PDB file of all heavy atoms in Angstrom:
ATOM      1  N   HIS A   1     177.466  63.708 112.580  1.00  0.00           N
ATOM      2  CA  HIS A   1     176.666  64.840 113.029  1.00  0.00           C
ATOM      3  C   HIS A   1     175.399  64.356 113.733  1.00  0.00           C
ATOM      4  O   HIS A   1     174.800  63.371 113.322  1.00  0.00           O
ATOM      5  CB  HIS A   1     176.292  65.686 111.807  1.00  0.00           C
ATOM      6  CG  HIS A   1     175.637  66.987 112.137  1.00  0.00           C
ATOM      7  ND1 HIS A   1     176.345  68.101 112.528  1.00  0.00           N
ATOM      8  CD2 HIS A   1     174.333  67.358 112.137  1.00  0.00           C
ATOM      9  CE1 HIS A   1     175.519  69.097 112.728  1.00  0.00           C
ATOM     10  NE2 HIS A   1     174.284  68.674 112.514  1.00  0.00           N
ATOM     11  N   GLY A   2     175.004  65.064 114.790  1.00  0.00           N
ATOM     12  CA  GLY A   2     173.761  64.757 115.487  1.00  0.00           C
ATOM     13  C   GLY A   2     173.972  64.009 116.788  1.00  0.00           C
ATOM     14  O   GLY A   2     174.831  63.123 116.872  1.00  0.00           O
ATOM     15  N   CYS A   3     173.199  64.361 117.824  1.00  0.00           N
ATOM     16  CA  CYS A   3     173.304  63.671 119.123  1.00  0.00           C
ATOM     17  C   CYS A   3     172.019  63.908 119.915  1.00  0.00           C
ATOM     18  O   CYS A   3     171.491  65.027 119.924  1.00  0.00           O
ATOM     19  CB  CYS A   3     174.497  64.202 119.906  1.00  0.00           C
ATOM     20  SG  CYS A   3     174.798  63.282 121.443  1.00  0.00           S
ATOM     21  N   PRO A   4     171.498  62.861 120.596  1.00  0.00           N
ATOM     22  CA  PRO A   4     170.287  63.029 121.404  1.00  0.00           C
ATOM     23  C   PRO A   4     170.574  63.618 122.785  1.00  0.00           C
ATOM     24  O   PRO A   4     169.656  64.074 123.461  1.00  0.00           O
ATOM     25  CB  PRO A   4     169.750  61.601 121.535  1.00  0.00           C
ATOM     26  CG  PRO A   4     170.982  60.755 121.492  1.00  0.00           C
ATOM     27  CD  PRO A   4     171.924  61.450 120.542  1.00  0.00           C
ATOM     28  N   LEU A   5     171.837  63.599 123.221  1.00  0.00           N
ATOM     29  CA  LEU A   5     172.198  64.146 124.529  1.00  0.00           C
ATOM     30  C   LEU A   5     172.634  65.601 124.381  1.00  0.00           C
ATOM     31  O   LEU A   5     173.014  66.043 123.296  1.00  0.00           O
ATOM     32  CB  LEU A   5     173.332  63.333 125.161  1.00  0.00           C
ATOM     33  CG  LEU A   5     173.101  61.835 125.367  1.00  0.00           C
ATOM     34  CD1 LEU A   5     174.262  61.211 126.117  1.00  0.00           C
ATOM     35  CD2 LEU A   5     171.789  61.560 126.100  1.00  0.00           C
ATOM     36  N   ARG A   6     172.605  66.305 125.488  1.00  0.00           N
ATOM     37  CA  ARG A   6     173.082  67.694 125.529  1.00  0.00           C
ATOM     38  C   ARG A   6     174.022  67.841 126.726  1.00  0.00           C
ATOM     39  O   ARG A   6     173.729  68.532 127.696  1.00  0.00           O
ATOM     40  CB  ARG A   6     171.901  68.665 125.640  1.00  0.00           C
ATOM     41  CG  ARG A   6     171.004  68.696 124.406  1.00  0.00           C
ATOM     42  CD  ARG A   6     171.743  69.273 123.208  1.00  0.00           C
ATOM     43  NE  ARG A   6     170.928  69.335 122.003  1.00  0.00           N
ATOM     44  CZ  ARG A   6     170.919  68.412 121.047  1.00  0.00           C
ATOM     45  NH1 ARG A   6     171.668  67.313 121.195  1.00  0.00           N
ATOM     46  NH2 ARG A   6     170.188  68.535 119.967  1.00  0.00           N
ATOM     47  N   CYS A   7     175.156  67.149 126.620  1.00  0.00           N
ATOM     48  CA  CYS A   7     176.104  67.116 127.744  1.00  0.00           C
ATOM     49  C   CYS A   7     176.662  68.506 128.020  1.00  0.00           C
ATOM     50  O   CYS A   7     177.073  69.219 127.099  1.00  0.00           O
ATOM     51  CB  CYS A   7     177.241  66.146 127.446  1.00  0.00           C
ATOM     52  SG  CYS A   7     176.696  64.439 127.255  1.00  0.00           S
ATOM     53  N   GLN A   8     176.705  68.868 129.290  1.00  0.00           N
ATOM     54  CA  GLN A   8     177.189  70.191 129.673  1.00  0.00           C
ATOM     55  C   GLN A   8     178.657  70.388 129.357  1.00  0.00           C
ATOM     56  O   GLN A   8     179.113  71.523 129.245  1.00  0.00           O
ATOM     57  CB  GLN A   8     176.930  70.420 131.170  1.00  0.00           C
ATOM     58  CG  GLN A   8     175.459  70.511 131.533  1.00  0.00           C
ATOM     59  CD  GLN A   8     175.245  70.737 133.018  1.00  0.00           C
ATOM     60  OE1 GLN A   8     176.138  70.542 133.837  1.00  0.00           O
ATOM     61  NE2 GLN A   8     174.035  71.158 133.374  1.00  0.00           N
ATOM     62  N   PHE A   9     179.404  69.301 129.200  1.00  0.00           N
ATOM     63  CA  PHE A   9     180.836  69.416 128.908  1.00  0.00           C
ATOM     64  C   PHE A   9     181.155  69.142 127.438  1.00  0.00           C
ATOM     65  O   PHE A   9     182.325  69.039 127.072  1.00  0.00           O
ATOM     66  CB  PHE A   9     181.637  68.431 129.775  1.00  0.00           C
ATOM     67  CG  PHE A   9     181.201  66.997 129.631  1.00  0.00           C
ATOM     68  CD1 PHE A   9     181.629  66.232 128.556  1.00  0.00           C
ATOM     69  CD2 PHE A   9     180.358  66.409 130.558  1.00  0.00           C
ATOM     70  CE1 PHE A   9     181.229  64.909 128.413  1.00  0.00           C
ATOM     71  CE2 PHE A   9     179.948  65.095 130.436  1.00  0.00           C
ATOM     72  CZ  PHE A   9     180.380  64.345 129.350  1.00  0.00           C
ATOM     73  N   CYS A  10     180.146  69.031 126.576  1.00  0.00           N
ATOM     74  CA  CYS A  10     180.363  68.617 125.186  1.00  0.00           C
ATOM     75  C   CYS A  10     181.397  69.507 124.490  1.00  0.00           C
ATOM     76  O   CYS A  10     181.330  70.734 124.559  1.00  0.00           O
ATOM     77  CB  CYS A  10     179.044  68.677 124.424  1.00  0.00           C
ATOM     78  SG  CYS A  10     179.195  68.131 122.701  1.00  0.00           S
ATOM     79  N   HIS A  11     182.368  68.868 123.815  1.00  0.00           N
ATOM     80  CA  HIS A  11     183.360  69.653 123.079  1.00  0.00           C
ATOM     81  C   HIS A  11     183.039  69.713 121.591  1.00  0.00           C
ATOM     82  O   HIS A  11     183.799  70.295 120.822  1.00  0.00           O
ATOM     83  CB  HIS A  11     184.775  69.101 123.318  1.00  0.00           C
ATOM     84  CG  HIS A  11     184.959  67.668 122.950  1.00  0.00           C
ATOM     85  ND1 HIS A  11     184.752  66.628 123.837  1.00  0.00           N
ATOM     86  CD2 HIS A  11     185.329  67.094 121.791  1.00  0.00           C
ATOM     87  CE1 HIS A  11     184.984  65.483 123.237  1.00  0.00           C
ATOM     88  NE2 HIS A  11     185.333  65.730 121.994  1.00  0.00           N
ATOM     89  N   ASN A  12     181.898  69.128 121.181  1.00  0.00           N
ATOM     90  CA  ASN A  12     181.437  69.256 119.797  1.00  0.00           C
ATOM     91  C   ASN A  12     179.968  69.680 119.744  1.00  0.00           C
ATOM     92  O   ASN A  12     179.145  69.024 119.108  1.00  0.00           O
ATOM     93  CB  ASN A  12     181.604  67.925 119.035  1.00  0.00           C
ATOM     94  CG  ASN A  12     183.034  67.665 118.623  1.00  0.00           C
ATOM     95  OD1 ASN A  12     183.794  68.582 118.373  1.00  0.00           O
ATOM     96  ND2 ASN A  12     183.403  66.397 118.545  1.00  0.00           N
ATOM     97  N   PRO A  13     179.580  70.792 120.416  1.00  0.00           N
ATOM     98  CA  PRO A  13     178.169  71.193 120.389  1.00  0.00           C
ATOM     99  C   PRO A  13     177.692  71.569 118.985  1.00  0.00           C
ATOM    100  O   PRO A  13     176.489  71.626 118.738  1.00  0.00           O
ATOM    101  CB  PRO A  13     178.124  72.404 121.332  1.00  0.00           C
ATOM    102  CG  PRO A  13     179.514  72.960 121.297  1.00  0.00           C
ATOM    103  CD  PRO A  13     180.410  71.758 121.165  1.00  0.00           C
ATOM    104  N   ASP A  14     178.642  71.787 118.079  1.00  0.00           N
ATOM    105  CA  ASP A  14     178.262  72.101 116.697  1.00  0.00           C
ATOM    106  C   ASP A  14     177.717  70.877 115.970  1.00  0.00           C
ATOM    107  O   ASP A  14     177.229  70.991 114.842  1.00  0.00           O
ATOM    108  CB  ASP A  14     179.444  72.706 115.923  1.00  0.00           C
ATOM    109  CG  ASP A  14     180.766  71.997 116.166  1.00  0.00           C
ATOM    110  OD1 ASP A  14     180.903  71.313 117.194  1.00  0.00           O
ATOM    111  OD2 ASP A  14     181.665  72.126 115.326  1.00  0.00           O
ATOM    112  N   THR A  15     177.776  69.691 116.604  1.00  0.00           N
ATOM    113  CA  THR A  15     177.162  68.499 115.999  1.00  0.00           C
ATOM    114  C   THR A  15     175.680  68.388 116.361  1.00  0.00           C
ATOM    115  O   THR A  15     174.984  67.517 115.855  1.00  0.00           O
ATOM    116  CB  THR A  15     177.860  67.195 116.450  1.00  0.00           C
ATOM    117  OG1 THR A  15     177.635  67.007 117.855  1.00  0.00           O
ATOM    118  CG2 THR A  15     179.344  67.233 116.159  1.00  0.00           C
ATOM    119  N   TRP A  16     175.194  69.230 117.279  1.00  0.00           N
ATOM    120  CA  TRP A  16     173.840  69.072 117.772  1.00  0.00           C
ATOM    121  C   TRP A  16     172.785  69.388 116.716  1.00  0.00           C
ATOM    122  O   TRP A  16     171.881  68.607 116.494  1.00  0.00           O
ATOM    123  CB  TRP A  16     173.600  69.968 118.995  1.00  0.00           C
ATOM    124  CG  TRP A  16     174.347  69.537 120.209  1.00  0.00           C
ATOM    125  CD1 TRP A  16     175.069  68.388 120.366  1.00  0.00           C
ATOM    126  CD2 TRP A  16     174.451  70.260 121.437  1.00  0.00           C
ATOM    127  NE1 TRP A  16     175.622  68.345 121.626  1.00  0.00           N
ATOM    128  CE2 TRP A  16     175.257  69.471 122.308  1.00  0.00           C
ATOM    129  CE3 TRP A  16     173.953  71.467 121.892  1.00  0.00           C
ATOM    130  CZ2 TRP A  16     175.558  69.882 123.598  1.00  0.00           C
ATOM    131  CZ3 TRP A  16     174.255  71.873 123.185  1.00  0.00           C
ATOM    132  CH2 TRP A  16     175.046  71.082 124.023  1.00  0.00           C
ATOM    133  N   GLY A  17     172.884  70.555 116.092  1.00  0.00           N
ATOM    134  CA  GLY A  17     171.806  70.926 115.188  1.00  0.00           C
ATOM    135  C   GLY A  17     172.195  71.933 114.124  1.00  0.00           C
ATOM    136  O   GLY A  17     171.339  72.444 113.412  1.00  0.00           O
ATOM    137  N   SER A  18     173.475  72.218 114.008  1.00  0.00           N
ATOM    138  CA  SER A  18     173.906  73.181 112.998  1.00  0.00           C
ATOM    139  C   SER A  18     173.894  72.521 111.621  1.00  0.00           C
ATOM    140  O   SER A  18     173.621  71.340 111.472  1.00  0.00           O
ATOM    141  CB  SER A  18     175.318  73.679 113.311  1.00  0.00           C
ATOM    142  OG  SER A  18     176.270  72.671 113.012  1.00  0.00           O
ATOM    143  N   ASN A  19     174.194  73.299 110.603  1.00  0.00           N
ATOM    144  CA  ASN A  19     174.288  72.758 109.247  1.00  0.00           C
ATOM    145  C   ASN A  19     175.733  72.546 108.829  1.00  0.00           C
ATOM    146  O   ASN A  19     176.033  72.434 107.637  1.00  0.00           O
ATOM    147  CB  ASN A  19     173.593  73.713 108.256  1.00  0.00           C
ATOM    148  CG  ASN A  19     172.095  73.778 108.496  1.00  0.00           C
ATOM    149  OD1 ASN A  19     171.466  72.757 108.748  1.00  0.00           O
ATOM    150  ND2 ASN A  19     171.536  74.966 108.443  1.00  0.00           N
ATOM    151  N   LYS A  20     176.623  72.483 109.820  1.00  0.00           N
ATOM    152  CA  LYS A  20     178.045  72.327 109.515  1.00  0.00           C
ATOM    153  C   LYS A  20     178.413  70.850 109.393  1.00  0.00           C
ATOM    154  O   LYS A  20     178.989  70.258 110.297  1.00  0.00           O
ATOM    155  CB  LYS A  20     178.893  72.989 110.602  1.00  0.00           C
ATOM    156  CG  LYS A  20     178.723  74.504 110.663  1.00  0.00           C
ATOM    157  CD  LYS A  20     179.625  75.100 111.729  1.00  0.00           C
ATOM    158  CE  LYS A  20     179.490  76.609 111.783  1.00  0.00           C
ATOM    159  NZ  LYS A  20     180.328  77.202 112.835  1.00  0.00           N
ATOM    160  N   TYR A  21     178.007  70.251 108.306  1.00  0.00           N
ATOM    161  CA  TYR A  21     178.382  68.866 108.047  1.00  0.00           C
ATOM    162  C   TYR A  21     178.469  68.647 106.544  1.00  0.00           C
ATOM    163  O   TYR A  21     177.944  69.439 105.744  1.00  0.00           O
ATOM    164  CB  TYR A  21     177.394  67.885 108.683  1.00  0.00           C
ATOM    165  CG  TYR A  21     175.978  67.990 108.184  1.00  0.00           C
ATOM    166  CD1 TYR A  21     175.581  67.356 107.000  1.00  0.00           C
ATOM    167  CD2 TYR A  21     175.016  68.696 108.907  1.00  0.00           C
ATOM    168  CE1 TYR A  21     174.284  67.436 106.540  1.00  0.00           C
ATOM    169  CE2 TYR A  21     173.712  68.789 108.460  1.00  0.00           C
ATOM    170  CZ  TYR A  21     173.349  68.158 107.282  1.00  0.00           C
ATOM    171  OH  TYR A  21     172.063  68.241 106.826  1.00  0.00           O
ATOM    172  N   GLU A  22     179.151  67.550 106.195  1.00  0.00           N
ATOM    173  CA  GLU A  22     179.284  67.175 104.788  1.00  0.00           C
ATOM    174  C   GLU A  22     178.631  65.816 104.592  1.00  0.00           C
ATOM    175  O   GLU A  22     178.808  64.918 105.423  1.00  0.00           O
ATOM    176  CB  GLU A  22     180.769  67.106 104.407  1.00  0.00           C
ATOM    177  CG  GLU A  22     181.030  66.689 102.969  1.00  0.00           C
ATOM    178  CD  GLU A  22     182.501  66.566 102.636  1.00  0.00           C
ATOM    179  OE1 GLU A  22     183.340  66.842 103.519  1.00  0.00           O
ATOM    180  OE2 GLU A  22     182.817  66.178 101.497  1.00  0.00           O
ATOM    181  N   GLU A  23     177.872  65.660 103.531  1.00  0.00           N
ATOM    182  CA  GLU A  23     177.285  64.360 103.234  1.00  0.00           C
ATOM    183  C   GLU A  23     178.290  63.518 102.447  1.00  0.00           C
ATOM    184  O   GLU A  23     178.827  63.954 101.433  1.00  0.00           O
ATOM    185  CB  GLU A  23     175.988  64.526 102.444  1.00  0.00           C
ATOM    186  CG  GLU A  23     174.860  65.119 103.277  1.00  0.00           C
ATOM    187  CD  GLU A  23     173.509  65.018 102.593  1.00  0.00           C
ATOM    188  OE1 GLU A  23     173.491  64.845 101.355  1.00  0.00           O
ATOM    189  OE2 GLU A  23     172.485  65.098 103.290  1.00  0.00           O
ATOM    190  N   MET A  24     178.544  62.305 102.961  1.00  0.00           N
ATOM    191  CA  MET A  24     179.505  61.406 102.325  1.00  0.00           C
ATOM    192  C   MET A  24     178.929  59.995 102.286  1.00  0.00           C
ATOM    193  O   MET A  24     178.186  59.586 103.187  1.00  0.00           O
ATOM    194  CB  MET A  24     180.838  61.398 103.085  1.00  0.00           C
ATOM    195  CG  MET A  24     181.542  62.737 103.140  1.00  0.00           C
ATOM    196  SD  MET A  24     183.108  62.650 104.057  1.00  0.00           S
ATOM    197  CE  MET A  24     184.120  61.666 102.936  1.00  0.00           C
ATOM    198  N   SER A  25     179.295  59.244 101.265  1.00  0.00           N
ATOM    199  CA  SER A  25     178.877  57.843 101.170  1.00  0.00           C
ATOM    200  C   SER A  25     179.873  56.959 101.902  1.00  0.00           C
ATOM    201  O   SER A  25     181.006  57.377 102.197  1.00  0.00           O
ATOM    202  CB  SER A  25     178.794  57.413  99.704  1.00  0.00           C
ATOM    203  OG  SER A  25     180.101  57.360  99.134  1.00  0.00           O
ATOM    204  N   ALA A  26     179.466  55.732 102.188  1.00  0.00           N
ATOM    205  CA  ALA A  26     180.363  54.761 102.819  1.00  0.00           C
ATOM    206  C   ALA A  26     181.589  54.515 101.941  1.00  0.00           C
ATOM    207  O   ALA A  26     182.712  54.399 102.441  1.00  0.00           O
ATOM    208  CB  ALA A  26     179.615  53.458 103.087  1.00  0.00           C
ATOM    209  N   ASP A  27     181.388  54.445 100.638  1.00  0.00           N
ATOM    210  CA  ASP A  27     182.507  54.213  99.715  1.00  0.00           C
ATOM    211  C   ASP A  27     183.508  55.356  99.757  1.00  0.00           C
ATOM    212  O   ASP A  27     184.719  55.135  99.729  1.00  0.00           O
ATOM    213  CB  ASP A  27     181.994  54.026  98.291  1.00  0.00           C
ATOM    214  CG  ASP A  27     181.283  52.690  98.093  1.00  0.00           C
ATOM    215  OD1 ASP A  27     181.651  51.725  98.794  1.00  0.00           O
ATOM    216  OD2 ASP A  27     180.362  52.618  97.261  1.00  0.00           O
ATOM    217  N   GLN A  28     183.014  56.581  99.834  1.00  0.00           N
ATOM    218  CA  GLN A  28     183.909  57.735  99.905  1.00  0.00           C
ATOM    219  C   GLN A  28     184.777  57.683 101.157  1.00  0.00           C
ATOM    220  O   GLN A  28     185.989  57.907 101.095  1.00  0.00           O
ATOM    221  CB  GLN A  28     183.092  59.037  99.904  1.00  0.00           C
ATOM    222  CG  GLN A  28     182.540  59.454  98.569  1.00  0.00           C
ATOM    223  CD  GLN A  28     181.682  60.703  98.693  1.00  0.00           C
ATOM    224  OE1 GLN A  28     180.654  60.709  99.380  1.00  0.00           O
ATOM    225  NE2 GLN A  28     182.106  61.772  98.031  1.00  0.00           N
ATOM    226  N   ILE A  29     184.153  57.400 102.291  1.00  0.00           N
ATOM    227  CA  ILE A  29     184.898  57.342 103.549  1.00  0.00           C
ATOM    228  C   ILE A  29     185.894  56.199 103.529  1.00  0.00           C
ATOM    229  O   ILE A  29     187.055  56.351 103.941  1.00  0.00           O
ATOM    230  CB  ILE A  29     183.928  57.207 104.740  1.00  0.00           C
ATOM    231  CG1 ILE A  29     183.195  58.528 104.948  1.00  0.00           C
ATOM    232  CG2 ILE A  29     184.665  56.793 106.013  1.00  0.00           C
ATOM    233  CD1 ILE A  29     182.166  58.503 106.038  1.00  0.00           C
ATOM    234  N   LEU A  30     185.466  55.040 103.044  1.00  0.00           N
ATOM    235  CA  LEU A  30     186.343  53.882 103.045  1.00  0.00           C
ATOM    236  C   LEU A  30     187.542  54.091 102.127  1.00  0.00           C
ATOM    237  O   LEU A  30     188.670  53.726 102.476  1.00  0.00           O
ATOM    238  CB  LEU A  30     185.555  52.635 102.635  1.00  0.00           C
ATOM    239  CG  LEU A  30     186.168  51.281 102.985  1.00  0.00           C
ATOM    240  CD1 LEU A  30     186.539  51.205 104.460  1.00  0.00           C
ATOM    241  CD2 LEU A  30     185.207  50.163 102.629  1.00  0.00           C
ATOM    242  N   ARG A  31     187.315  54.697 100.975  1.00  0.00           N
ATOM    243  CA  ARG A  31     188.431  54.984 100.071  1.00  0.00           C
ATOM    244  C   ARG A  31     189.451  55.895 100.744  1.00  0.00           C
ATOM    245  O   ARG A  31     190.658  55.672 100.658  1.00  0.00           O
ATOM    246  CB  ARG A  31     187.916  55.650  98.785  1.00  0.00           C
ATOM    247  CG  ARG A  31     187.424  54.694  97.725  1.00  0.00           C
ATOM    248  CD  ARG A  31     187.344  55.346  96.358  1.00  0.00           C
ATOM    249  NE  ARG A  31     186.484  56.517  96.352  1.00  0.00           N
ATOM    250  CZ  ARG A  31     185.177  56.479  96.098  1.00  0.00           C
ATOM    251  NH1 ARG A  31     184.577  55.318  95.842  1.00  0.00           N
ATOM    252  NH2 ARG A  31     184.467  57.577  96.088  1.00  0.00           N
ATOM    253  N   GLN A  32     188.943  56.891 101.439  1.00  0.00           N
ATOM    254  CA  GLN A  32     189.830  57.827 102.131  1.00  0.00           C
ATOM    255  C   GLN A  32     190.564  57.131 103.269  1.00  0.00           C
ATOM    256  O   GLN A  32     191.770  57.316 103.463  1.00  0.00           O
ATOM    257  CB  GLN A  32     189.010  59.000 102.668  1.00  0.00           C
ATOM    258  CG  GLN A  32     189.845  60.167 103.166  1.00  0.00           C
ATOM    259  CD  GLN A  32     188.987  61.387 103.478  1.00  0.00           C
ATOM    260  OE1 GLN A  32     187.905  61.554 102.915  1.00  0.00           O
ATOM    261  NE2 GLN A  32     189.460  62.241 104.362  1.00  0.00           N
TER     262      GLN A  32
END
């Protein structure tokens, strides 16, 4: 989540500043 650019063609604008994300640890991601 999060990006410093605001590309006009962005297909994930919901990563810019919304609260639609999950907090995960490195261990959680690696296990998955």
